[in-house]
């Protein structure tokens, strides 16, 4: 197989599918599943497809940014991991202290206020910006390819396509979860764990937060040459 095709399509597809099963990536996806509650099956499928495409296009734009700014993008990624890790750890502390309820009261109405096409597009952009910490190292592999490819038209296109494929694959299992009842039930059971075991949910979030902060501060990242 041609290495260019592998790096452009096959590798991003595989990394995106693998990224979906990372714990914090699943947690983010469950928010979208919650958003779909109460909708008709056909509407659920249509909105999930729109969400997946929006997320893919937005993450694809990050590939273009990586090509344009090169190694400067690494600093952005480090900052994102540190901020995201801090948020994870803070939510974990709220779980441990029994004060996570106000988050549901605050976020619930906002999610309920998102409807139809606008809601799916908005969540696609939000999840494109807030790449889960566990999936971020996978995305970084693709950003490394983009950041070292120069700023030619072909490099810009390659950066966009590879990350768009990654972003779509990161959301693709959601389509299956919405289309097929057994998969949807499995995700619902996973979502219920944070309610039934708030202490361990808090511990997990704190661990993920500290890991994300450590990664942002100490990890050796590829830079453009």
N, C-alpha and C. Protein backbone atom coordinates (compact mmCIF):
# COMPACT_ATOMS: atom_id res chain seq x y z
N UNK A 1 0.85 -1.20 0.00
CA UNK A 1 0.00 0.00 0.00
C UNK A 1 0.88 1.24 0.00
N UNK A 2 0.49 2.26 -0.77
CA UNK A 2 1.22 3.50 -0.84
C UNK A 2 1.24 4.19 0.52
N UNK A 3 2.44 4.65 0.95
CA UNK A 3 2.56 5.24 2.27
C UNK A 3 1.77 6.54 2.38
N UNK A 4 1.68 7.30 1.29
CA UNK A 4 0.92 8.54 1.32
C UNK A 4 -0.55 8.28 1.59
N UNK A 5 -1.11 7.28 0.92
CA UNK A 5 -2.51 6.94 1.14
C UNK A 5 -2.73 6.42 2.56
N UNK A 6 -1.77 5.66 3.06
CA UNK A 6 -1.88 5.14 4.43
C UNK A 6 -1.93 6.28 5.44
N UNK A 7 -1.01 7.24 5.30
CA UNK A 7 -0.95 8.36 6.25
C UNK A 7 -2.14 9.29 6.10
N UNK A 8 -2.67 9.39 4.89
CA UNK A 8 -3.76 10.34 4.62
C UNK A 8 -5.11 9.80 5.07
N UNK A 9 -5.35 8.49 4.90
CA UNK A 9 -6.68 7.93 5.14
C UNK A 9 -6.70 6.79 6.16
N UNK A 10 -5.87 5.78 5.95
CA UNK A 10 -5.97 4.57 6.76
C UNK A 10 -5.56 4.83 8.20
N UNK A 11 -4.41 5.48 8.40
CA UNK A 11 -3.95 5.76 9.76
C UNK A 11 -4.92 6.68 10.52
N UNK A 12 -5.37 7.78 9.92
CA UNK A 12 -6.34 8.63 10.64
C UNK A 12 -7.62 7.89 10.98
N UNK A 13 -8.09 7.03 10.07
CA UNK A 13 -9.30 6.27 10.33
C UNK A 13 -9.11 5.35 11.53
N UNK A 14 -8.00 4.62 11.53
CA UNK A 14 -7.74 3.70 12.64
C UNK A 14 -7.56 4.42 13.97
N UNK A 15 -6.83 5.55 13.95
CA UNK A 15 -6.62 6.30 15.18
C UNK A 15 -7.91 6.91 15.70
N UNK A 16 -8.76 7.36 14.79
CA UNK A 16 -10.04 7.93 15.21
C UNK A 16 -10.93 6.89 15.86
N UNK A 17 -11.03 5.71 15.26
CA UNK A 17 -11.84 4.64 15.85
C UNK A 17 -11.28 4.21 17.19
N UNK A 18 -9.94 4.13 17.28
CA UNK A 18 -9.33 3.77 18.56
C UNK A 18 -9.56 4.86 19.59
N UNK A 19 -9.49 6.12 19.17
CA UNK A 19 -9.69 7.23 20.09
C UNK A 19 -11.08 7.23 20.70
N UNK A 20 -12.07 6.74 19.97
CA UNK A 20 -13.44 6.73 20.49
C UNK A 20 -13.57 5.89 21.74
N UNK A 21 -12.80 4.81 21.85
CA UNK A 21 -12.96 3.90 22.99
C UNK A 21 -12.15 4.35 24.20
N UNK A 22 -11.36 5.43 24.06
CA UNK A 22 -10.67 5.95 25.24
C UNK A 22 -11.70 6.46 26.24
N UNK A 23 -11.49 6.25 27.54
CA UNK A 23 -12.52 6.57 28.55
C UNK A 23 -13.09 7.97 28.47
N UNK A 24 -12.21 8.99 28.41
CA UNK A 24 -12.76 10.35 28.43
C UNK A 24 -13.39 10.72 27.11
N UNK A 25 -13.01 10.05 26.04
CA UNK A 25 -13.66 10.29 24.76
C UNK A 25 -15.09 9.76 24.79
N UNK A 26 -15.27 8.59 25.38
CA UNK A 26 -16.61 8.03 25.53
C UNK A 26 -17.46 8.96 26.39
N UNK A 27 -16.87 9.51 27.45
CA UNK A 27 -17.62 10.41 28.31
C UNK A 27 -18.15 11.62 27.57
N UNK A 28 -17.33 12.20 26.70
CA UNK A 28 -17.80 13.34 25.91
C UNK A 28 -18.90 12.92 24.95
N UNK A 29 -18.76 11.77 24.35
CA UNK A 29 -19.76 11.30 23.39
C UNK A 29 -21.11 11.07 24.05
N UNK A 30 -21.08 10.66 25.31
CA UNK A 30 -22.33 10.41 26.01
C UNK A 30 -23.15 11.69 26.19
N UNK A 31 -22.49 12.84 26.22
CA UNK A 31 -23.22 14.11 26.30
C UNK A 31 -24.10 14.27 25.07
N UNK A 32 -23.57 13.89 23.91
CA UNK A 32 -24.37 13.99 22.69
C UNK A 32 -25.52 12.99 22.71
N UNK A 33 -25.27 11.79 23.22
CA UNK A 33 -26.34 10.80 23.34
C UNK A 33 -27.46 11.36 24.23
N UNK A 34 -27.07 12.04 25.31
CA UNK A 34 -28.06 12.65 26.20
C UNK A 34 -28.86 13.72 25.46
N UNK A 35 -28.19 14.49 24.64
CA UNK A 35 -28.83 15.56 23.86
C UNK A 35 -29.91 14.99 22.93
N UNK A 36 -29.72 13.75 22.45
CA UNK A 36 -30.66 13.17 21.49
C UNK A 36 -31.92 12.59 22.14
N UNK A 37 -31.95 12.52 23.47
CA UNK A 37 -33.09 11.89 24.14
C UNK A 37 -34.40 12.60 23.76
N UNK A 38 -35.43 11.78 23.53
CA UNK A 38 -36.75 12.30 23.23
C UNK A 38 -37.01 12.58 21.77
N UNK A 39 -36.02 12.38 20.90
CA UNK A 39 -36.20 12.62 19.47
C UNK A 39 -36.60 11.34 18.75
N UNK A 40 -37.24 11.49 17.60
CA UNK A 40 -37.60 10.35 16.78
C UNK A 40 -36.35 9.69 16.22
N UNK A 41 -36.44 8.39 15.89
CA UNK A 41 -35.27 7.65 15.42
C UNK A 41 -34.64 8.27 14.18
N UNK A 42 -35.48 8.68 13.22
CA UNK A 42 -34.94 9.27 11.99
C UNK A 42 -34.25 10.60 12.28
N UNK A 43 -34.81 11.37 13.21
CA UNK A 43 -34.20 12.64 13.57
C UNK A 43 -32.89 12.42 14.30
N UNK A 44 -32.85 11.40 15.15
CA UNK A 44 -31.61 11.08 15.85
C UNK A 44 -30.49 10.77 14.86
N UNK A 45 -30.82 9.94 13.87
CA UNK A 45 -29.80 9.53 12.91
C UNK A 45 -29.33 10.72 12.08
N UNK A 46 -30.27 11.57 11.65
CA UNK A 46 -29.92 12.73 10.84
C UNK A 46 -29.05 13.70 11.63
N UNK A 47 -29.40 13.95 12.89
CA UNK A 47 -28.64 14.90 13.68
C UNK A 47 -27.27 14.35 14.06
N UNK A 48 -27.19 13.03 14.27
CA UNK A 48 -25.89 12.43 14.57
C UNK A 48 -24.97 12.52 13.37
N UNK A 49 -25.51 12.27 12.18
CA UNK A 49 -24.70 12.40 10.96
C UNK A 49 -24.21 13.83 10.77
N UNK A 50 -25.09 14.80 11.02
CA UNK A 50 -24.71 16.21 10.89
C UNK A 50 -23.64 16.57 11.92
N UNK A 51 -23.80 16.07 13.14
CA UNK A 51 -22.81 16.30 14.18
C UNK A 51 -21.46 15.74 13.77
N UNK A 52 -21.45 14.50 13.24
CA UNK A 52 -20.19 13.85 12.85
C UNK A 52 -19.51 14.61 11.73
N UNK A 53 -20.27 15.08 10.75
CA UNK A 53 -19.68 15.82 9.63
C UNK A 53 -19.14 17.16 10.10
N UNK A 54 -19.91 17.86 10.94
CA UNK A 54 -19.45 19.15 11.46
C UNK A 54 -18.17 19.00 12.25
N UNK A 55 -18.14 18.00 13.11
CA UNK A 55 -16.95 17.76 13.92
C UNK A 55 -15.76 17.44 13.03
N UNK A 56 -15.97 16.63 11.99
CA UNK A 56 -14.89 16.26 11.08
C UNK A 56 -14.34 17.49 10.35
N UNK A 57 -15.23 18.35 9.86
CA UNK A 57 -14.78 19.53 9.14
C UNK A 57 -14.01 20.48 10.06
N UNK A 58 -14.49 20.61 11.30
CA UNK A 58 -13.81 21.52 12.22
C UNK A 58 -12.44 20.98 12.59
N UNK A 59 -12.35 19.69 12.92
CA UNK A 59 -11.04 19.11 13.25
C UNK A 59 -10.13 19.15 12.04
N UNK A 60 -10.71 18.99 10.83
CA UNK A 60 -9.92 19.13 9.62
C UNK A 60 -9.28 20.50 9.52
N UNK A 61 -10.00 21.54 9.95
CA UNK A 61 -9.44 22.88 9.92
C UNK A 61 -8.23 23.01 10.84
N UNK A 62 -8.18 22.19 11.90
CA UNK A 62 -7.00 22.18 12.76
C UNK A 62 -5.78 21.66 12.01
N UNK A 63 -6.00 20.75 11.08
CA UNK A 63 -4.90 20.26 10.26
C UNK A 63 -4.32 21.37 9.40
N UNK A 64 -5.20 22.21 8.85
CA UNK A 64 -4.73 23.35 8.07
C UNK A 64 -3.95 24.31 8.96
N UNK A 65 -4.45 24.55 10.18
CA UNK A 65 -3.76 25.44 11.12
C UNK A 65 -2.38 24.89 11.46
N UNK A 66 -2.29 23.58 11.64
CA UNK A 66 -1.00 22.97 11.98
C UNK A 66 0.01 23.17 10.87
N UNK A 67 -0.45 23.06 9.63
CA UNK A 67 0.46 23.27 8.50
C UNK A 67 0.92 24.73 8.45
N UNK A 68 0.00 25.66 8.69
CA UNK A 68 0.31 27.08 8.57
C UNK A 68 1.24 27.58 9.67
N UNK A 69 1.01 27.15 10.90
CA UNK A 69 1.79 27.69 12.02
C UNK A 69 2.90 26.76 12.46
N UNK A 70 2.92 25.53 11.97
CA UNK A 70 4.01 24.60 12.26
C UNK A 70 4.15 24.30 13.74
N UNK A 71 5.36 24.43 14.27
CA UNK A 71 5.63 24.02 15.66
C UNK A 71 4.89 24.88 16.67
N UNK A 72 4.42 26.08 16.27
CA UNK A 72 3.65 26.90 17.20
C UNK A 72 2.38 26.21 17.64
N UNK A 73 1.90 25.30 16.80
CA UNK A 73 0.68 24.57 17.15
C UNK A 73 0.90 23.67 18.35
N UNK A 74 2.13 23.22 18.55
CA UNK A 74 2.44 22.37 19.71
C UNK A 74 2.16 23.13 21.01
N UNK A 75 2.50 24.42 21.04
CA UNK A 75 2.21 25.22 22.23
C UNK A 75 0.72 25.31 22.50
N UNK A 76 -0.05 25.46 21.44
CA UNK A 76 -1.50 25.48 21.59
C UNK A 76 -2.00 24.17 22.17
N UNK A 77 -1.47 23.05 21.67
CA UNK A 77 -1.90 21.75 22.16
C UNK A 77 -1.53 21.57 23.64
N UNK A 78 -0.33 22.00 24.00
CA UNK A 78 0.06 21.89 25.41
C UNK A 78 -0.89 22.68 26.30
N UNK A 79 -1.20 23.90 25.91
CA UNK A 79 -2.12 24.71 26.68
C UNK A 79 -3.49 24.08 26.78
N UNK A 80 -3.96 23.48 25.68
CA UNK A 80 -5.28 22.85 25.68
C UNK A 80 -5.32 21.68 26.64
N UNK A 81 -4.26 20.87 26.65
CA UNK A 81 -4.23 19.72 27.57
C UNK A 81 -4.20 20.18 29.02
N UNK A 82 -3.44 21.24 29.31
CA UNK A 82 -3.36 21.73 30.69
C UNK A 82 -4.70 22.27 31.15
N UNK A 83 -5.35 23.07 30.29
CA UNK A 83 -6.66 23.62 30.65
C UNK A 83 -7.68 22.50 30.81
N UNK A 84 -7.70 21.57 29.86
CA UNK A 84 -8.65 20.46 29.93
C UNK A 84 -8.40 19.61 31.17
N UNK A 85 -7.13 19.36 31.48
CA UNK A 85 -6.81 18.58 32.67
C UNK A 85 -7.28 19.27 33.94
N UNK A 86 -7.12 20.58 34.00
CA UNK A 86 -7.59 21.33 35.16
C UNK A 86 -9.10 21.22 35.32
N UNK A 87 -9.82 21.29 34.19
CA UNK A 87 -11.28 21.17 34.24
C UNK A 87 -11.69 19.77 34.70
N UNK A 88 -11.02 18.74 34.17
CA UNK A 88 -11.32 17.37 34.59
C UNK A 88 -11.13 17.22 36.10
N UNK A 89 -9.98 17.68 36.58
CA UNK A 89 -9.67 17.53 38.00
C UNK A 89 -10.68 18.29 38.86
N UNK A 90 -11.08 19.49 38.43
CA UNK A 90 -12.03 20.28 39.21
C UNK A 90 -13.38 19.57 39.29
N UNK A 91 -13.83 19.00 38.17
CA UNK A 91 -15.11 18.26 38.18
C UNK A 91 -14.99 17.03 39.07
N UNK A 92 -13.81 16.37 39.03
CA UNK A 92 -13.59 15.21 39.89
C UNK A 92 -13.69 15.57 41.36
N UNK A 93 -13.14 16.70 41.74
CA UNK A 93 -13.24 17.15 43.14
C UNK A 93 -14.70 17.40 43.51
N UNK A 94 -15.47 17.96 42.60
CA UNK A 94 -16.89 18.19 42.87
C UNK A 94 -17.62 16.88 43.10
N UNK A 95 -17.27 15.85 42.30
CA UNK A 95 -17.87 14.53 42.51
C UNK A 95 -17.51 13.99 43.89
N UNK A 96 -16.24 14.09 44.25
CA UNK A 96 -15.80 13.54 45.54
C UNK A 96 -16.43 14.25 46.72
N UNK A 97 -16.72 15.53 46.59
CA UNK A 97 -17.30 16.30 47.68
C UNK A 97 -18.81 16.36 47.62
N UNK A 98 -19.41 15.62 46.67
CA UNK A 98 -20.86 15.58 46.57
C UNK A 98 -21.50 16.86 46.06
N UNK A 99 -20.73 17.65 45.31
CA UNK A 99 -21.24 18.92 44.83
C UNK A 99 -21.36 18.98 43.31
N UNK A 100 -21.44 17.82 42.66
CA UNK A 100 -21.52 17.80 41.20
C UNK A 100 -22.93 18.09 40.70
N UNK A 101 -23.91 18.08 41.60
CA UNK A 101 -25.29 18.28 41.17
C UNK A 101 -25.52 19.61 40.48
N UNK A 102 -24.83 20.67 40.97
CA UNK A 102 -25.08 21.97 40.37
C UNK A 102 -24.61 22.03 38.92
N UNK A 103 -23.63 21.16 38.54
CA UNK A 103 -23.21 21.10 37.15
C UNK A 103 -24.34 20.62 36.27
N UNK A 104 -25.08 19.62 36.75
CA UNK A 104 -26.20 19.10 35.98
C UNK A 104 -27.31 20.14 35.88
N UNK A 105 -27.50 20.88 36.97
CA UNK A 105 -28.54 21.93 36.93
C UNK A 105 -28.15 23.06 36.00
N UNK A 106 -26.83 23.29 35.89
CA UNK A 106 -26.36 24.38 35.03
C UNK A 106 -26.31 23.97 33.57
N UNK A 107 -25.74 22.76 33.32
CA UNK A 107 -25.57 22.32 31.95
C UNK A 107 -26.85 21.78 31.34
N UNK A 108 -27.70 21.18 32.18
CA UNK A 108 -28.91 20.57 31.65
C UNK A 108 -29.77 21.50 30.83
N UNK A 109 -30.15 22.68 31.37
CA UNK A 109 -30.96 23.60 30.58
C UNK A 109 -30.28 24.05 29.30
N UNK A 110 -28.96 24.18 29.33
CA UNK A 110 -28.26 24.61 28.13
C UNK A 110 -28.34 23.55 27.05
N UNK A 111 -28.17 22.28 27.44
CA UNK A 111 -28.30 21.21 26.46
C UNK A 111 -29.72 21.11 25.94
N UNK A 112 -30.69 21.29 26.85
CA UNK A 112 -32.08 21.22 26.44
C UNK A 112 -32.43 22.35 25.47
N UNK A 113 -31.72 23.48 25.59
CA UNK A 113 -32.02 24.61 24.74
C UNK A 113 -31.47 24.48 23.33
N UNK A 114 -30.62 23.48 23.09
CA UNK A 114 -30.10 23.24 21.76
C UNK A 114 -31.05 22.32 21.01
N UNK A 115 -31.51 22.76 19.87
CA UNK A 115 -32.49 21.97 19.14
C UNK A 115 -32.13 21.88 17.66
N UNK A 116 -32.47 20.73 17.07
CA UNK A 116 -32.40 20.56 15.63
C UNK A 116 -31.01 20.75 15.07
N UNK A 117 -30.99 21.29 13.83
CA UNK A 117 -29.75 21.43 13.09
C UNK A 117 -28.73 22.28 13.82
N UNK A 118 -29.19 23.41 14.38
CA UNK A 118 -28.27 24.29 15.08
C UNK A 118 -27.59 23.62 16.25
N UNK A 119 -28.34 22.80 16.99
CA UNK A 119 -27.77 22.10 18.13
C UNK A 119 -26.71 21.11 17.71
N UNK A 120 -26.96 20.34 16.66
CA UNK A 120 -26.00 19.35 16.20
C UNK A 120 -24.73 20.01 15.68
N UNK A 121 -24.89 21.10 14.94
CA UNK A 121 -23.72 21.81 14.43
C UNK A 121 -22.94 22.42 15.58
N UNK A 122 -23.66 23.03 16.54
CA UNK A 122 -22.98 23.65 17.68
C UNK A 122 -22.20 22.65 18.49
N UNK A 123 -22.79 21.49 18.77
CA UNK A 123 -22.07 20.47 19.53
C UNK A 123 -20.91 19.90 18.73
N UNK A 124 -21.06 19.81 17.42
CA UNK A 124 -19.95 19.35 16.58
C UNK A 124 -18.76 20.27 16.68
N UNK A 125 -19.01 21.59 16.69
CA UNK A 125 -17.92 22.55 16.83
C UNK A 125 -17.32 22.49 18.23
N UNK A 126 -18.19 22.41 19.27
CA UNK A 126 -17.70 22.35 20.64
C UNK A 126 -16.80 21.13 20.84
N UNK A 127 -17.26 19.97 20.37
CA UNK A 127 -16.45 18.76 20.55
C UNK A 127 -15.21 18.79 19.66
N UNK A 128 -15.27 19.55 18.57
CA UNK A 128 -14.07 19.72 17.76
C UNK A 128 -13.02 20.53 18.50
N UNK A 129 -13.46 21.56 19.24
CA UNK A 129 -12.55 22.36 20.04
C UNK A 129 -12.04 21.59 21.25
N UNK A 130 -12.95 20.90 21.93
CA UNK A 130 -12.63 20.22 23.18
C UNK A 130 -12.32 18.76 22.90
N UNK A 131 -11.18 18.52 22.26
CA UNK A 131 -10.76 17.15 21.97
C UNK A 131 -10.41 16.47 23.28
N UNK A 132 -11.00 15.31 23.59
CA UNK A 132 -10.74 14.65 24.87
C UNK A 132 -9.26 14.39 25.10
N UNK A 133 -8.85 14.50 26.34
CA UNK A 133 -7.43 14.35 26.67
C UNK A 133 -6.89 13.00 26.24
N UNK A 134 -7.69 11.94 26.38
CA UNK A 134 -7.20 10.62 26.02
C UNK A 134 -7.00 10.47 24.51
N UNK A 135 -7.78 11.22 23.71
CA UNK A 135 -7.66 11.14 22.26
C UNK A 135 -6.63 12.12 21.72
N UNK A 136 -6.24 13.10 22.54
CA UNK A 136 -5.34 14.14 22.06
C UNK A 136 -3.98 13.61 21.58
N UNK A 137 -3.35 12.65 22.28
CA UNK A 137 -2.08 12.12 21.76
C UNK A 137 -2.24 11.46 20.39
N UNK A 138 -3.40 10.85 20.14
CA UNK A 138 -3.64 10.26 18.83
C UNK A 138 -3.72 11.34 17.76
N UNK A 139 -4.42 12.43 18.09
CA UNK A 139 -4.53 13.55 17.17
C UNK A 139 -3.17 14.17 16.92
N UNK A 140 -2.33 14.20 17.94
CA UNK A 140 -1.01 14.80 17.81
C UNK A 140 -0.17 14.09 16.76
N UNK A 141 -0.33 12.78 16.63
CA UNK A 141 0.41 12.05 15.60
C UNK A 141 0.10 12.63 14.23
N UNK A 142 -1.18 12.91 13.98
CA UNK A 142 -1.58 13.45 12.70
C UNK A 142 -1.13 14.90 12.55
N UNK A 143 -1.18 15.67 13.64
CA UNK A 143 -0.71 17.05 13.59
C UNK A 143 0.79 17.09 13.30
N UNK A 144 1.52 16.08 13.78
CA UNK A 144 2.94 16.02 13.49
C UNK A 144 3.20 15.88 12.00
N UNK A 145 2.41 15.03 11.32
CA UNK A 145 2.54 14.91 9.87
C UNK A 145 2.25 16.24 9.19
N UNK A 146 1.18 16.90 9.64
CA UNK A 146 0.77 18.16 9.00
C UNK A 146 1.80 19.25 9.26
N UNK A 147 2.29 19.35 10.51
CA UNK A 147 3.17 20.45 10.88
C UNK A 147 4.52 20.38 10.19
N UNK A 148 4.94 19.20 9.76
CA UNK A 148 6.25 19.05 9.11
C UNK A 148 6.13 19.02 7.60
N UNK A 149 4.95 19.30 7.06
CA UNK A 149 4.75 19.18 5.62
C UNK A 149 4.88 20.47 4.85
N UNK A 150 5.28 21.59 5.50
CA UNK A 150 5.36 22.85 4.79
C UNK A 150 4.00 23.49 4.63
N UNK A 151 3.93 24.57 3.87
CA UNK A 151 2.67 25.29 3.70
C UNK A 151 2.20 25.31 2.25
N UNK A 152 2.60 24.34 1.47
CA UNK A 152 2.14 24.25 0.08
C UNK A 152 0.68 23.87 0.06
N UNK A 153 0.07 24.04 -1.12
CA UNK A 153 -1.34 23.69 -1.26
C UNK A 153 -1.60 22.22 -0.97
N UNK A 154 -0.70 21.35 -1.43
CA UNK A 154 -0.89 19.92 -1.20
C UNK A 154 -0.76 19.58 0.28
N UNK A 155 0.14 20.28 0.99
CA UNK A 155 0.29 20.04 2.42
C UNK A 155 -0.94 20.50 3.18
N UNK A 156 -1.49 21.67 2.80
CA UNK A 156 -2.70 22.16 3.43
C UNK A 156 -3.85 21.20 3.22
N UNK A 157 -3.99 20.71 1.99
CA UNK A 157 -5.07 19.77 1.69
C UNK A 157 -4.87 18.46 2.45
N UNK A 158 -3.63 17.99 2.49
CA UNK A 158 -3.35 16.75 3.20
C UNK A 158 -3.63 16.87 4.69
N UNK A 159 -3.24 18.01 5.28
CA UNK A 159 -3.52 18.23 6.70
C UNK A 159 -5.00 18.25 6.98
N UNK A 160 -5.76 18.89 6.09
CA UNK A 160 -7.21 18.95 6.28
C UNK A 160 -7.84 17.57 6.16
N UNK A 161 -7.49 16.85 5.09
CA UNK A 161 -8.13 15.55 4.83
C UNK A 161 -7.81 14.56 5.94
N UNK A 162 -6.55 14.48 6.35
CA UNK A 162 -6.17 13.49 7.35
C UNK A 162 -6.88 13.74 8.67
N UNK A 163 -6.96 15.00 9.10
CA UNK A 163 -7.61 15.28 10.37
C UNK A 163 -9.13 15.23 10.26
N UNK A 164 -9.66 15.54 9.08
CA UNK A 164 -11.10 15.40 8.90
C UNK A 164 -11.51 13.93 8.98
N UNK A 165 -10.71 13.05 8.38
CA UNK A 165 -10.98 11.61 8.48
C UNK A 165 -10.88 11.15 9.93
N UNK A 166 -9.86 11.64 10.63
CA UNK A 166 -9.72 11.31 12.04
C UNK A 166 -10.95 11.77 12.83
N UNK A 167 -11.38 13.01 12.61
CA UNK A 167 -12.54 13.54 13.32
C UNK A 167 -13.81 12.78 13.02
N UNK A 168 -13.99 12.39 11.77
CA UNK A 168 -15.19 11.63 11.41
C UNK A 168 -15.16 10.25 12.05
N UNK A 169 -13.99 9.60 12.03
CA UNK A 169 -13.87 8.28 12.64
C UNK A 169 -14.09 8.35 14.15
N UNK A 170 -13.68 9.47 14.77
CA UNK A 170 -13.87 9.65 16.21
C UNK A 170 -15.36 9.69 16.56
N UNK A 171 -16.20 10.11 15.60
CA UNK A 171 -17.64 10.20 15.84
C UNK A 171 -18.42 9.04 15.22
N UNK A 172 -17.79 8.28 14.34
CA UNK A 172 -18.51 7.26 13.59
C UNK A 172 -19.23 6.24 14.48
N UNK A 173 -18.62 5.77 15.58
CA UNK A 173 -19.35 4.82 16.43
C UNK A 173 -20.64 5.39 17.01
N UNK A 174 -20.73 6.72 17.12
CA UNK A 174 -21.98 7.32 17.60
C UNK A 174 -23.12 7.05 16.64
N UNK A 175 -22.82 7.03 15.35
CA UNK A 175 -23.85 6.73 14.36
C UNK A 175 -24.38 5.32 14.59
N UNK A 176 -23.47 4.38 14.84
CA UNK A 176 -23.89 3.01 15.12
C UNK A 176 -24.69 2.93 16.41
N UNK A 177 -24.26 3.72 17.42
CA UNK A 177 -24.95 3.70 18.71
C UNK A 177 -26.37 4.22 18.59
N UNK A 178 -26.58 5.19 17.69
CA UNK A 178 -27.92 5.74 17.48
C UNK A 178 -28.75 4.83 16.58
N UNK A 179 -28.10 4.20 15.60
CA UNK A 179 -28.83 3.39 14.63
C UNK A 179 -29.22 2.02 15.17
N UNK A 180 -28.44 1.48 16.10
CA UNK A 180 -28.67 0.12 16.57
C UNK A 180 -28.92 0.11 18.08
N UNK A 181 -30.02 -0.47 18.48
CA UNK A 181 -30.46 -0.47 19.87
C UNK A 181 -29.46 -1.10 20.84
N UNK A 182 -28.86 -2.26 20.54
CA UNK A 182 -27.91 -2.86 21.50
C UNK A 182 -26.74 -1.94 21.82
N UNK A 183 -26.20 -1.27 20.80
CA UNK A 183 -25.08 -0.36 21.04
C UNK A 183 -25.52 0.83 21.88
N UNK A 184 -26.74 1.32 21.63
CA UNK A 184 -27.25 2.46 22.39
C UNK A 184 -27.45 2.09 23.85
N UNK A 185 -27.93 0.88 24.11
CA UNK A 185 -28.11 0.43 25.49
C UNK A 185 -26.78 0.32 26.22
N UNK A 186 -25.75 -0.12 25.52
CA UNK A 186 -24.43 -0.23 26.14
C UNK A 186 -23.91 1.14 26.55
N UNK A 187 -24.05 2.14 25.68
CA UNK A 187 -23.61 3.48 26.01
C UNK A 187 -24.41 4.06 27.17
N UNK A 188 -25.70 3.77 27.21
CA UNK A 188 -26.53 4.26 28.31
C UNK A 188 -26.08 3.66 29.64
N UNK A 189 -25.69 2.39 29.62
CA UNK A 189 -25.20 1.76 30.85
C UNK A 189 -23.91 2.40 31.31
N UNK A 190 -23.03 2.74 30.35
CA UNK A 190 -21.79 3.41 30.70
C UNK A 190 -22.06 4.79 31.30
N UNK A 191 -23.04 5.48 30.73
CA UNK A 191 -23.38 6.81 31.23
C UNK A 191 -23.90 6.73 32.66
N UNK A 192 -24.60 5.64 32.99
CA UNK A 192 -25.16 5.50 34.32
C UNK A 192 -24.14 5.26 35.40
N UNK A 193 -22.91 4.88 35.03
CA UNK A 193 -21.89 4.59 36.04
C UNK A 193 -21.56 5.83 36.87
N UNK A 194 -21.53 7.01 36.22
CA UNK A 194 -21.18 8.22 36.96
C UNK A 194 -22.24 8.58 37.98
N UNK A 195 -23.49 8.13 37.77
CA UNK A 195 -24.56 8.39 38.72
C UNK A 195 -24.52 7.40 39.86
N UNK A 196 -24.28 6.12 39.55
CA UNK A 196 -24.32 5.08 40.58
C UNK A 196 -23.04 5.05 41.40
N UNK A 197 -21.91 5.50 40.82
CA UNK A 197 -20.64 5.45 41.54
C UNK A 197 -19.94 6.80 41.45
N UNK A 198 -20.51 7.83 42.08
CA UNK A 198 -19.92 9.17 41.96
C UNK A 198 -18.51 9.28 42.52
N UNK A 199 -18.21 8.52 43.60
CA UNK A 199 -16.87 8.59 44.18
C UNK A 199 -15.82 8.15 43.17
N UNK A 200 -16.04 6.98 42.53
CA UNK A 200 -15.06 6.47 41.58
C UNK A 200 -15.04 7.28 40.30
N UNK A 201 -16.19 7.86 39.94
CA UNK A 201 -16.20 8.78 38.80
C UNK A 201 -15.31 9.98 39.09
N UNK A 202 -15.38 10.48 40.34
CA UNK A 202 -14.53 11.60 40.73
C UNK A 202 -13.06 11.24 40.71
N UNK A 203 -12.73 10.06 41.24
CA UNK A 203 -11.33 9.60 41.24
C UNK A 203 -10.81 9.49 39.81
N UNK A 204 -11.61 8.91 38.92
CA UNK A 204 -11.19 8.75 37.52
C UNK A 204 -10.94 10.10 36.87
N UNK A 205 -11.84 11.06 37.10
CA UNK A 205 -11.68 12.38 36.49
C UNK A 205 -10.43 13.09 37.01
N UNK A 206 -10.15 12.95 38.30
CA UNK A 206 -8.95 13.57 38.86
C UNK A 206 -7.70 12.94 38.25
N UNK A 207 -7.68 11.61 38.14
CA UNK A 207 -6.53 10.93 37.54
C UNK A 207 -6.34 11.37 36.09
N UNK A 208 -7.43 11.42 35.32
CA UNK A 208 -7.34 11.86 33.93
C UNK A 208 -6.87 13.31 33.85
N UNK A 209 -7.35 14.14 34.79
CA UNK A 209 -6.94 15.54 34.79
C UNK A 209 -5.46 15.70 35.06
N UNK A 210 -4.95 14.98 36.07
CA UNK A 210 -3.53 15.07 36.39
C UNK A 210 -2.68 14.53 35.25
N UNK A 211 -3.15 13.46 34.62
CA UNK A 211 -2.42 12.90 33.47
C UNK A 211 -2.36 13.91 32.34
N UNK A 212 -3.49 14.58 32.07
CA UNK A 212 -3.52 15.56 30.99
C UNK A 212 -2.59 16.73 31.28
N UNK A 213 -2.58 17.21 32.53
CA UNK A 213 -1.69 18.31 32.91
C UNK A 213 -0.23 17.87 32.77
N UNK A 214 0.08 16.67 33.24
CA UNK A 214 1.45 16.14 33.11
C UNK A 214 1.85 16.07 31.65
N UNK A 215 0.95 15.58 30.81
CA UNK A 215 1.27 15.43 29.39
C UNK A 215 1.55 16.80 28.77
N UNK A 216 0.71 17.79 29.14
CA UNK A 216 0.92 19.11 28.58
C UNK A 216 2.22 19.76 29.00
N UNK A 217 2.69 19.44 30.22
CA UNK A 217 3.90 20.08 30.75
C UNK A 217 5.16 19.32 30.36
N UNK A 218 5.13 17.99 30.44
CA UNK A 218 6.37 17.22 30.35
C UNK A 218 6.53 16.39 29.08
N UNK A 219 5.47 16.11 28.35
CA UNK A 219 5.60 15.19 27.21
C UNK A 219 6.48 15.78 26.12
N UNK A 220 7.27 14.91 25.48
CA UNK A 220 8.10 15.32 24.35
C UNK A 220 7.25 15.23 23.10
N UNK A 221 7.07 16.36 22.44
CA UNK A 221 6.18 16.44 21.30
C UNK A 221 6.97 16.72 20.03
N UNK A 222 6.50 16.19 18.88
CA UNK A 222 7.17 16.48 17.61
C UNK A 222 7.00 17.93 17.23
N UNK A 223 8.02 18.51 16.60
CA UNK A 223 7.92 19.88 16.11
C UNK A 223 8.29 19.89 14.64
N UNK A 224 7.86 20.96 13.96
CA UNK A 224 8.20 21.07 12.54
C UNK A 224 9.67 21.41 12.37
N UNK A 225 10.23 21.06 11.25
CA UNK A 225 11.63 21.34 10.99
C UNK A 225 11.76 22.33 9.86
